[in-house]
Amino acid sequence: MKKCLIIGCGWLGRPLVEALQKQNIQVAATTTNDQKFIEMQAVQIHSLKLNRENGILTWDSAPTKHFDSIIFTFPPFEGVLGAMRSLLSPLTFDQLIFTSSTGVYKESNAFLNEEAPIDPEHTVTLMEEAVKDLAPEKYMILRLAGHIGPNRHPLRYFLAQQKVIANGNAPVNLIHQRDIISAIITCVKQQVCQKTYNLCSPEHPTKQEYYGELAKNLAGIELEFAPGKIGKKIDGSKITEELSFCYEESIQNISALDLIKDNI
């Protein structure tokens, strides 16, 4: 039985735990929150406590067993590079998966694949480099487009702001939570290492087409868009060509519940 450790059990990490368990993969997951630790234990998730003090993350008690895969799913925060190093130092593993971001790519009007120029000063770029330094033969980087799914969608922000949205003709780059989880499971099962893949739906309507229609259909609100089409388009096809993975979730598959905070 494969053994996985998920460091960061939030919007992505928590459903990932359940999905991996359904694949008969043994999973442990971390949290810094005492209440969440109790809740996770109550539903038979092997929970490991992290301590956070002055922005520094440390193990309450570091696990001693070997993991087939360790999956980092937490976002950037102050001191994140030091935290990654300190948390990994006592562990042994065969694969280190990091959920990065397509935000590392420099802004352009091009169709961007994994070879496109990235911003070397971006915090997430530095996190990618740390992952490669910590596990030069074992790293696996997934650059995620904008996340959508239960309790998460950019339209929620646009509806709350009620401001004119810039670059209305720029393409959207989104990825559904279920496709992210499916891609991670594929990488775990195939033990993929030393690879970087974009994860982005092949659907790229303009902001005006996409958010404008969803706002009308789900909220009955007309959004305003400014002209302009400056915006990158992310090519997420490489992972489908090299691994047994395909995108199954349409970015149109959104319900009104996804626009409500804390509906899950």
C-alpha atoms as a PDB file:
ATOM      1  CA  MET A   1       0.000   0.000   0.000  1.00  0.00           C
ATOM      2  CA  LYS A   2       1.358   3.416  -1.002  1.00  0.00           C
ATOM      3  CA  LYS A   3       1.843   5.961   1.782  1.00  0.00           C
ATOM      4  CA  CYS A   4       1.335   9.692   1.236  1.00  0.00           C
ATOM      5  CA  LEU A   5       1.833  12.739   3.428  1.00  0.00           C
ATOM      6  CA  ILE A   6      -0.115  15.911   2.616  1.00  0.00           C
ATOM      7  CA  ILE A   7       1.383  19.067   4.098  1.00  0.00           C
ATOM      8  CA  GLY A   8      -1.449  21.599   4.050  1.00  0.00           C
ATOM      9  CA  CYS A   9      -4.952  20.204   4.538  1.00  0.00           C
ATOM     10  CA  GLY A  10      -7.124  23.086   3.304  1.00  0.00           C
ATOM     11  CA  TRP A  11      -9.393  23.643   0.283  1.00  0.00           C
ATOM     12  CA  LEU A  12      -7.342  21.258  -1.866  1.00  0.00           C
ATOM     13  CA  GLY A  13      -5.629  19.073   0.723  1.00  0.00           C
ATOM     14  CA  ARG A  14      -8.744  17.913   2.576  1.00  0.00           C
ATOM     15  CA  PRO A  15     -10.664  16.472  -0.413  1.00  0.00           C
ATOM     16  CA  LEU A  16      -7.354  15.115  -1.733  1.00  0.00           C
ATOM     17  CA  VAL A  17      -7.030  13.037   1.442  1.00  0.00           C
ATOM     18  CA  GLU A  18     -10.439  11.464   0.836  1.00  0.00           C
ATOM     19  CA  ALA A  19      -9.734  10.853  -2.864  1.00  0.00           C
ATOM     20  CA  LEU A  20      -6.408   9.146  -2.121  1.00  0.00           C
ATOM     21  CA  GLN A  21      -8.015   6.963   0.544  1.00  0.00           C
ATOM     22  CA  LYS A  22     -10.575   5.791  -2.034  1.00  0.00           C
ATOM     23  CA  GLN A  23      -7.618   4.665  -4.167  1.00  0.00           C
ATOM     24  CA  ASN A  24      -6.433   2.463  -1.290  1.00  0.00           C
ATOM     25  CA  ILE A  25      -3.557   4.812  -0.530  1.00  0.00           C
ATOM     26  CA  GLN A  26      -2.605   5.344   3.115  1.00  0.00           C
ATOM     27  CA  VAL A  27      -2.661   9.069   3.889  1.00  0.00           C
ATOM     28  CA  ALA A  28      -1.431  11.317   6.680  1.00  0.00           C
ATOM     29  CA  ALA A  29      -2.165  15.053   6.698  1.00  0.00           C
ATOM     30  CA  THR A  30      -1.000  18.066   8.688  1.00  0.00           C
ATOM     31  CA  THR A  31      -2.731  20.989  10.337  1.00  0.00           C
ATOM     32  CA  THR A  32      -1.751  23.867  12.618  1.00  0.00           C
ATOM     33  CA  ASN A  33      -5.293  24.204  13.964  1.00  0.00           C
ATOM     34  CA  ASP A  34      -6.186  22.365  17.172  1.00  0.00           C
ATOM     35  CA  GLN A  35      -9.894  22.127  16.337  1.00  0.00           C
ATOM     36  CA  LYS A  36      -9.226  20.884  12.811  1.00  0.00           C
ATOM     37  CA  PHE A  37      -6.810  18.307  14.246  1.00  0.00           C
ATOM     38  CA  ILE A  38      -9.628  16.916  16.418  1.00  0.00           C
ATOM     39  CA  GLU A  39     -12.110  16.986  13.505  1.00  0.00           C
ATOM     40  CA  MET A  40      -9.700  15.169  11.193  1.00  0.00           C
ATOM     41  CA  GLN A  41      -9.030  12.491  13.788  1.00  0.00           C
ATOM     42  CA  ALA A  42     -12.775  12.044  14.254  1.00  0.00           C
ATOM     43  CA  VAL A  43     -13.213  11.076  10.599  1.00  0.00           C
ATOM     44  CA  GLN A  44     -10.255   8.652  10.641  1.00  0.00           C
ATOM     45  CA  ILE A  45      -7.731  10.942   8.944  1.00  0.00           C
ATOM     46  CA  HIS A  46      -4.261  10.279  10.313  1.00  0.00           C
ATOM     47  CA  SER A  47      -3.494  13.812  11.480  1.00  0.00           C
ATOM     48  CA  LEU A  48      -0.115  15.299  12.295  1.00  0.00           C
ATOM     49  CA  LYS A  49       0.152  18.540  14.239  1.00  0.00           C
ATOM     50  CA  LEU A  50       2.303  21.437  13.102  1.00  0.00           C
ATOM     51  CA  ASN A  51       3.235  24.341  15.356  1.00  0.00           C
ATOM     52  CA  ARG A  52       3.274  27.891  14.025  1.00  0.00           C
ATOM     53  CA  GLU A  53       5.101  30.523  16.043  1.00  0.00           C
ATOM     54  CA  ASN A  54       6.200  33.912  14.698  1.00  0.00           C
ATOM     55  CA  GLY A  55       5.507  32.660  11.177  1.00  0.00           C
ATOM     56  CA  ILE A  56       7.729  29.592  11.664  1.00  0.00           C
ATOM     57  CA  LEU A  57       6.318  26.091  11.090  1.00  0.00           C
ATOM     58  CA  THR A  58       7.735  23.119  12.992  1.00  0.00           C
ATOM     59  CA  TRP A  59       6.642  19.556  13.697  1.00  0.00           C
ATOM     60  CA  ASP A  60       4.940  18.879  17.008  1.00  0.00           C
ATOM     61  CA  SER A  61       6.232  15.337  16.536  1.00  0.00           C
ATOM     62  CA  ALA A  62       7.788  14.491  13.171  1.00  0.00           C
ATOM     63  CA  PRO A  63       6.655  11.226  11.540  1.00  0.00           C
ATOM     64  CA  THR A  64       9.319   8.545  11.396  1.00  0.00           C
ATOM     65  CA  LYS A  65       7.979   6.274   8.652  1.00  0.00           C
ATOM     66  CA  HIS A  66       8.978   6.507   4.994  1.00  0.00           C
ATOM     67  CA  PHE A  67       6.508   8.031   2.499  1.00  0.00           C
ATOM     68  CA  ASP A  68       6.141   7.141  -1.152  1.00  0.00           C
ATOM     69  CA  SER A  69       4.904  10.687  -1.833  1.00  0.00           C
ATOM     70  CA  ILE A  70       4.861  13.983   0.037  1.00  0.00           C
ATOM     71  CA  ILE A  71       2.499  16.623  -1.341  1.00  0.00           C
ATOM     72  CA  PHE A  72       2.894  20.324  -0.515  1.00  0.00           C
ATOM     73  CA  THR A  73      -0.436  22.125  -0.987  1.00  0.00           C
ATOM     74  CA  PHE A  74       0.016  25.287   1.045  1.00  0.00           C
ATOM     75  CA  PRO A  75       0.213  28.803  -0.464  1.00  0.00           C
ATOM     76  CA  PRO A  76       3.062  31.302   0.014  1.00  0.00           C
ATOM     77  CA  PHE A  77       3.417  32.943   3.421  1.00  0.00           C
ATOM     78  CA  GLU A  78       6.167  34.779   5.245  1.00  0.00           C
ATOM     79  CA  GLY A  79       8.935  32.318   6.045  1.00  0.00           C
ATOM     80  CA  VAL A  80       7.605  29.657   3.638  1.00  0.00           C
ATOM     81  CA  LEU A  81      11.020  28.675   2.260  1.00  0.00           C
ATOM     82  CA  GLY A  82      12.428  28.026   5.711  1.00  0.00           C
ATOM     83  CA  ALA A  83       9.280  26.120   6.642  1.00  0.00           C
ATOM     84  CA  MET A  84       9.607  23.813   3.624  1.00  0.00           C
ATOM     85  CA  ARG A  85      13.188  22.994   4.500  1.00  0.00           C
ATOM     86  CA  SER A  86      12.566  22.424   8.219  1.00  0.00           C
ATOM     87  CA  LEU A  87       9.501  20.243   7.643  1.00  0.00           C
ATOM     88  CA  LEU A  88      11.231  18.042   5.062  1.00  0.00           C
ATOM     89  CA  SER A  89      14.560  17.645   6.852  1.00  0.00           C
ATOM     90  CA  PRO A  90      13.531  14.755   9.175  1.00  0.00           C
ATOM     91  CA  LEU A  91      11.502  12.900   6.504  1.00  0.00           C
ATOM     92  CA  THR A  92      12.356  10.240   3.926  1.00  0.00           C
ATOM     93  CA  PHE A  93      10.374   9.917   0.695  1.00  0.00           C
ATOM     94  CA  ASP A  94      10.465   8.843  -2.962  1.00  0.00           C
ATOM     95  CA  GLN A  95       8.496  11.715  -4.517  1.00  0.00           C
ATOM     96  CA  LEU A  96       7.866  15.358  -3.601  1.00  0.00           C
ATOM     97  CA  ILE A  97       4.876  16.985  -5.320  1.00  0.00           C
ATOM     98  CA  PHE A  98       4.454  20.746  -5.113  1.00  0.00           C
ATOM     99  CA  THR A  99       1.263  22.501  -6.217  1.00  0.00           C
ATOM    100  CA  SER A 100       2.681  25.660  -7.766  1.00  0.00           C
ATOM    101  CA  SER A 101       0.897  28.361  -9.783  1.00  0.00           C
ATOM    102  CA  THR A 102       0.741  29.554 -13.382  1.00  0.00           C
ATOM    103  CA  GLY A 103       1.194  32.991 -11.802  1.00  0.00           C
ATOM    104  CA  VAL A 104       4.943  32.381 -12.151  1.00  0.00           C
ATOM    105  CA  TYR A 105       4.706  33.125 -15.890  1.00  0.00           C
ATOM    106  CA  LYS A 106       5.434  36.636 -17.056  1.00  0.00           C
ATOM    107  CA  GLU A 107       2.446  38.545 -18.399  1.00  0.00           C
ATOM    108  CA  SER A 108       2.049  38.349 -22.190  1.00  0.00           C
ATOM    109  CA  ASN A 109      -0.493  37.670 -24.926  1.00  0.00           C
ATOM    110  CA  ALA A 110       1.121  34.347 -25.827  1.00  0.00           C
ATOM    111  CA  PHE A 111      -0.045  30.746 -25.479  1.00  0.00           C
ATOM    112  CA  LEU A 112       2.314  29.639 -22.695  1.00  0.00           C
ATOM    113  CA  ASN A 113       3.655  26.132 -22.163  1.00  0.00           C
ATOM    114  CA  GLU A 114       6.072  24.925 -19.498  1.00  0.00           C
ATOM    115  CA  GLU A 115       9.061  26.353 -21.359  1.00  0.00           C
ATOM    116  CA  ALA A 116       7.752  29.949 -21.273  1.00  0.00           C
ATOM    117  CA  PRO A 117       9.734  32.583 -19.301  1.00  0.00           C
ATOM    118  CA  ILE A 118       8.877  32.825 -15.609  1.00  0.00           C
ATOM    119  CA  ASP A 119       9.375  35.584 -13.068  1.00  0.00           C
ATOM    120  CA  PRO A 120      12.542  34.636 -11.126  1.00  0.00           C
ATOM    121  CA  GLU A 121      11.591  36.903  -8.197  1.00  0.00           C
ATOM    122  CA  HIS A 122       8.065  35.526  -7.741  1.00  0.00           C
ATOM    123  CA  THR A 123       7.667  33.855  -4.324  1.00  0.00           C
ATOM    124  CA  VAL A 124       6.186  30.742  -5.924  1.00  0.00           C
ATOM    125  CA  THR A 125       9.151  30.518  -8.321  1.00  0.00           C
ATOM    126  CA  LEU A 126      11.429  30.558  -5.261  1.00  0.00           C
ATOM    127  CA  MET A 127       9.289  27.805  -3.725  1.00  0.00           C
ATOM    128  CA  GLU A 128       9.707  25.731  -6.892  1.00  0.00           C
ATOM    129  CA  GLU A 129      13.482  26.202  -6.724  1.00  0.00           C
ATOM    130  CA  ALA A 130      13.493  25.170  -3.068  1.00  0.00           C
ATOM    131  CA  VAL A 131      11.592  21.985  -3.939  1.00  0.00           C
ATOM    132  CA  LYS A 132      14.122  21.158  -6.666  1.00  0.00           C
ATOM    133  CA  ASP A 133      17.034  21.842  -4.312  1.00  0.00           C
ATOM    134  CA  LEU A 134      15.527  19.703  -1.552  1.00  0.00           C
ATOM    135  CA  ALA A 135      14.651  16.797  -3.864  1.00  0.00           C
ATOM    136  CA  PRO A 136      16.613  17.165  -7.132  1.00  0.00           C
ATOM    137  CA  GLU A 137      15.768  13.654  -8.360  1.00  0.00           C
ATOM    138  CA  LYS A 138      12.355  13.330  -6.703  1.00  0.00           C
ATOM    139  CA  TYR A 139      10.505  16.600  -7.358  1.00  0.00           C
ATOM    140  CA  MET A 140       7.229  16.925  -9.274  1.00  0.00           C
ATOM    141  CA  ILE A 141       5.801  20.415  -9.908  1.00  0.00           C
ATOM    142  CA  LEU A 142       2.204  21.111 -10.933  1.00  0.00           C
ATOM    143  CA  ARG A 143       1.549  24.721 -11.943  1.00  0.00           C
ATOM    144  CA  LEU A 144      -2.139  25.311 -11.297  1.00  0.00           C
ATOM    145  CA  ALA A 145      -4.298  27.849 -13.098  1.00  0.00           C
ATOM    146  CA  GLY A 146      -7.029  29.700 -11.163  1.00  0.00           C
ATOM    147  CA  HIS A 147      -8.827  27.286  -8.840  1.00  0.00           C
ATOM    148  CA  ILE A 148     -12.573  26.721  -9.099  1.00  0.00           C
ATOM    149  CA  GLY A 149     -14.908  24.274  -7.400  1.00  0.00           C
ATOM    150  CA  PRO A 150     -16.740  23.952  -4.090  1.00  0.00           C
ATOM    151  CA  ASN A 151     -16.634  27.214  -2.144  1.00  0.00           C
ATOM    152  CA  ARG A 152     -14.204  28.839  -4.574  1.00  0.00           C
ATOM    153  CA  HIS A 153     -14.618  30.858  -7.758  1.00  0.00           C
ATOM    154  CA  PRO A 154     -13.202  34.227  -8.950  1.00  0.00           C
ATOM    155  CA  LEU A 155     -16.721  35.397  -9.820  1.00  0.00           C
ATOM    156  CA  ARG A 156     -17.406  35.705  -6.100  1.00  0.00           C
ATOM    157  CA  TYR A 157     -14.750  38.413  -5.912  1.00  0.00           C
ATOM    158  CA  PHE A 158     -16.078  40.275  -8.963  1.00  0.00           C
ATOM    159  CA  LEU A 159     -19.630  40.234  -7.594  1.00  0.00           C
ATOM    160  CA  ALA A 160     -18.461  41.557  -4.233  1.00  0.00           C
ATOM    161  CA  GLN A 161     -16.311  44.330  -5.714  1.00  0.00           C
ATOM    162  CA  GLN A 162     -18.922  45.614  -8.186  1.00  0.00           C
ATOM    163  CA  LYS A 163     -16.151  47.343 -10.151  1.00  0.00           C
ATOM    164  CA  VAL A 164     -15.402  47.550 -13.864  1.00  0.00           C
ATOM    165  CA  ILE A 165     -13.331  44.470 -14.765  1.00  0.00           C
ATOM    166  CA  ALA A 166     -10.181  45.252 -16.756  1.00  0.00           C
ATOM    167  CA  ASN A 167      -9.179  43.497 -19.990  1.00  0.00           C
ATOM    168  CA  GLY A 168     -12.588  42.076 -20.750  1.00  0.00           C
ATOM    169  CA  ASN A 169     -11.328  40.338 -23.892  1.00  0.00           C
ATOM    170  CA  ALA A 170      -8.430  38.570 -22.172  1.00  0.00           C
ATOM    171  CA  PRO A 171      -8.706  34.751 -21.863  1.00  0.00           C
ATOM    172  CA  VAL A 172      -9.513  32.997 -18.594  1.00  0.00           C
ATOM    173  CA  ASN A 173      -7.224  30.268 -17.245  1.00  0.00           C
ATOM    174  CA  LEU A 174      -8.977  28.013 -14.751  1.00  0.00           C
ATOM    175  CA  ILE A 175      -8.801  24.483 -13.371  1.00  0.00           C
ATOM    176  CA  HIS A 176     -11.469  22.595 -11.422  1.00  0.00           C
ATOM    177  CA  GLN A 177     -10.654  21.075  -8.040  1.00  0.00           C
ATOM    178  CA  ARG A 178     -11.602  17.582  -9.231  1.00  0.00           C
ATOM    179  CA  ASP A 179      -9.160  17.776 -12.153  1.00  0.00           C
ATOM    180  CA  ILE A 180      -6.375  18.954  -9.819  1.00  0.00           C
ATOM    181  CA  ILE A 181      -7.006  15.975  -7.547  1.00  0.00           C
ATOM    182  CA  SER A 182      -7.150  13.577 -10.498  1.00  0.00           C
ATOM    183  CA  ALA A 183      -3.806  14.877 -11.801  1.00  0.00           C
ATOM    184  CA  ILE A 184      -2.142  14.510  -8.393  1.00  0.00           C
ATOM    185  CA  ILE A 185      -3.416  10.940  -8.037  1.00  0.00           C
ATOM    186  CA  THR A 186      -2.082  10.144 -11.522  1.00  0.00           C
ATOM    187  CA  CYS A 187       1.358  11.483 -10.563  1.00  0.00           C
ATOM    188  CA  VAL A 188       1.348   9.538  -7.282  1.00  0.00           C
ATOM    189  CA  LYS A 189       0.343   6.262  -8.907  1.00  0.00           C
ATOM    190  CA  GLN A 190       2.869   6.617 -11.738  1.00  0.00           C
ATOM    191  CA  GLN A 191       5.572   7.918  -9.348  1.00  0.00           C
ATOM    192  CA  VAL A 192       6.389  10.765 -11.757  1.00  0.00           C
ATOM    193  CA  CYS A 193       9.548  12.696 -10.871  1.00  0.00           C
ATOM    194  CA  GLN A 194      11.686  15.480 -12.329  1.00  0.00           C
ATOM    195  CA  LYS A 195       8.746  16.907 -14.266  1.00  0.00           C
ATOM    196  CA  THR A 196       6.892  20.232 -14.364  1.00  0.00           C
ATOM    197  CA  TYR A 197       3.363  20.374 -15.762  1.00  0.00           C
ATOM    198  CA  ASN A 198       0.780  23.104 -16.220  1.00  0.00           C
ATOM    199  CA  LEU A 199      -2.728  22.254 -15.060  1.00  0.00           C
ATOM    200  CA  CYS A 200      -5.259  24.390 -16.908  1.00  0.00           C
ATOM    201  CA  SER A 201      -8.572  23.642 -18.581  1.00  0.00           C
ATOM    202  CA  PRO A 202      -8.418  23.712 -22.400  1.00  0.00           C
ATOM    203  CA  GLU A 203     -11.426  26.082 -22.308  1.00  0.00           C
ATOM    204  CA  HIS A 204     -10.342  29.732 -22.665  1.00  0.00           C
ATOM    205  CA  PRO A 205     -13.357  32.024 -23.145  1.00  0.00           C
ATOM    206  CA  THR A 206     -12.815  35.744 -22.615  1.00  0.00           C
ATOM    207  CA  LYS A 207     -13.446  37.260 -19.192  1.00  0.00           C
ATOM    208  CA  GLN A 208     -16.507  39.032 -20.554  1.00  0.00           C
ATOM    209  CA  GLU A 209     -17.952  35.878 -22.096  1.00  0.00           C
ATOM    210  CA  TYR A 210     -17.288  33.717 -19.068  1.00  0.00           C
ATOM    211  CA  TYR A 211     -17.840  35.902 -16.010  1.00  0.00           C
ATOM    212  CA  GLY A 212     -20.498  37.993 -17.730  1.00  0.00           C
ATOM    213  CA  GLU A 213     -22.674  34.972 -18.514  1.00  0.00           C
ATOM    214  CA  LEU A 214     -22.152  33.313 -15.134  1.00  0.00           C
ATOM    215  CA  ALA A 215     -23.017  36.541 -13.285  1.00  0.00           C
ATOM    216  CA  LYS A 216     -26.268  36.846 -15.233  1.00  0.00           C
ATOM    217  CA  ASN A 217     -27.220  33.186 -14.953  1.00  0.00           C
ATOM    218  CA  LEU A 218     -26.253  32.541 -11.323  1.00  0.00           C
ATOM    219  CA  ALA A 219     -26.686  35.931  -9.663  1.00  0.00           C
ATOM    220  CA  GLY A 220     -28.867  37.953 -12.034  1.00  0.00           C
ATOM    221  CA  ILE A 221     -26.235  40.704 -12.152  1.00  0.00           C
ATOM    222  CA  GLU A 222     -24.774  42.515 -15.166  1.00  0.00           C
ATOM    223  CA  LEU A 223     -21.022  42.987 -14.766  1.00  0.00           C
ATOM    224  CA  GLU A 224     -19.138  45.783 -16.534  1.00  0.00           C
ATOM    225  CA  PHE A 225     -15.981  45.080 -18.527  1.00  0.00           C
ATOM    226  CA  ALA A 226     -13.365  47.477 -19.842  1.00  0.00           C
ATOM    227  CA  PRO A 227     -11.918  46.849 -23.319  1.00  0.00           C
ATOM    228  CA  GLY A 228      -8.499  45.274 -23.657  1.00  0.00           C
ATOM    229  CA  LYS A 229      -7.114  41.794 -24.191  1.00  0.00           C
ATOM    230  CA  ILE A 230      -3.795  41.752 -22.380  1.00  0.00           C
ATOM    231  CA  GLY A 231      -3.535  38.370 -20.736  1.00  0.00           C
ATOM    232  CA  LYS A 232      -1.694  35.087 -21.067  1.00  0.00           C
ATOM    233  CA  LYS A 233      -3.305  31.845 -22.168  1.00  0.00           C
ATOM    234  CA  ILE A 234      -1.981  28.739 -20.412  1.00  0.00           C
ATOM    235  CA  ASP A 235      -1.296  25.558 -22.355  1.00  0.00           C
ATOM    236  CA  GLY A 236      -2.140  22.601 -20.103  1.00  0.00           C
ATOM    237  CA  SER A 237      -1.809  19.883 -22.754  1.00  0.00           C
ATOM    238  CA  LYS A 238       1.634  18.467 -21.924  1.00  0.00           C
ATOM    239  CA  ILE A 239       0.396  16.394 -18.973  1.00  0.00           C
ATOM    240  CA  THR A 240      -2.298  14.803 -21.170  1.00  0.00           C
ATOM    241  CA  GLU A 241       0.310  13.876 -23.786  1.00  0.00           C
ATOM    242  CA  GLU A 242       2.829  12.338 -21.377  1.00  0.00           C
ATOM    243  CA  LEU A 243       0.656  10.777 -18.660  1.00  0.00           C
ATOM    244  CA  SER A 244      -2.609   8.856 -18.509  1.00  0.00           C
ATOM    245  CA  PHE A 245      -4.532  11.991 -17.528  1.00  0.00           C
ATOM    246  CA  CYS A 246      -7.299  13.971 -19.205  1.00  0.00           C
ATOM    247  CA  TYR A 247      -9.351  16.996 -18.208  1.00  0.00           C
ATOM    248  CA  GLU A 248     -12.881  15.923 -17.342  1.00  0.00           C
ATOM    249  CA  GLU A 249     -14.429  18.980 -15.684  1.00  0.00           C
ATOM    250  CA  SER A 250     -15.790  21.871 -17.738  1.00  0.00           C
ATOM    251  CA  ILE A 251     -15.180  25.306 -16.240  1.00  0.00           C
ATOM    252  CA  GLN A 252     -18.846  25.954 -17.052  1.00  0.00           C
ATOM    253  CA  ASN A 253     -19.820  23.297 -14.492  1.00  0.00           C
ATOM    254  CA  ILE A 254     -20.377  25.792 -11.695  1.00  0.00           C
ATOM    255  CA  SER A 255     -23.348  26.103  -9.349  1.00  0.00           C
ATOM    256  CA  ALA A 256     -24.606  28.981  -7.238  1.00  0.00           C
ATOM    257  CA  LEU A 257     -23.253  27.130  -4.176  1.00  0.00           C
ATOM    258  CA  ASP A 258     -19.701  27.627  -5.431  1.00  0.00           C
ATOM    259  CA  LEU A 259     -20.211  31.359  -5.034  1.00  0.00           C
ATOM    260  CA  ILE A 260     -21.183  31.135  -1.383  1.00  0.00           C
ATOM    261  CA  LYS A 261     -18.412  31.284   1.191  1.00  0.00           C
ATOM    262  CA  ASP A 262     -18.271  28.331   3.593  1.00  0.00           C
ATOM    263  CA  ASN A 263     -20.967  26.272   1.868  1.00  0.00           C
ATOM    264  CA  ILE A 264     -18.874  23.158   2.571  1.00  0.00           C
END
